[in-house]
Amino acid sequence: MIAVIIAESEDYIKELSQKLDDEGLKIIRYTWLLKALDNLEEINPQRIYVNALDYPRHWKTLVQYTRGNFIEKKPEIFLYQIDNFGEEEREKAKCLDVKLIADVKSLRKIEQSLVMINPHTKKLILGTVSLLKNKSIVFNCEQNESVLCLKPSDLIQKAVLKKNKAISEPVLKISSISQKTLHLEML
């Protein structure tokens, strides 16, 4: 998968690039929105990330362009914004089917989630995915009790993983346990 980042802020580009690189995405960066527009059809990205702080008006042009030129498979568009992003702008983004993110860390909530059933207690294991790379998962459990009887090499047969829009039911093997953190491998 290819992701295009359009931003002037080097800090934003660096932080987002690291996050997307961890997912195994090929990343193409632009600091000029018009240059990115010129190359989008050739690149044919699956995702586009635009910093609305750098391009407060031009992001709408980019969205209209992609909607008109990508007929079969339109890329997902993510718009970075902060609290002072007006309600009217939020509504425009919503109408244009653009996903809003407040910071790079919030991408994790948008892109991946995991629910499992403890094979010993048959209870749900709830928490958050802090890393999903290749077949490795680092999962932070909400409660200590949910992992008490688990041990390395246990298999979790009942799990649902959502990554972007794809949902799968992987079999997971516990590599290690550290307090409320599970290190898992997808089999």
Foldseek 3Di string as FASTA:
>chain_A
DEEEEEAQDPVQVVLLVVVVVLAVHHYHYHPDPVVCLVCCVVVVDQEYEYECVRVVPCVVVVLVSQPVPVPPHGHAYEYEDADVCDPVNVVVCVVSNHHYDPGSQCVQVQFKAKWFADPPPRHIFHFGWPGDHDFKTKTFTPDQVRCVPPAAQDKTQAMWMGGNNDIDGFIWGFHGDDRRITIIGTD
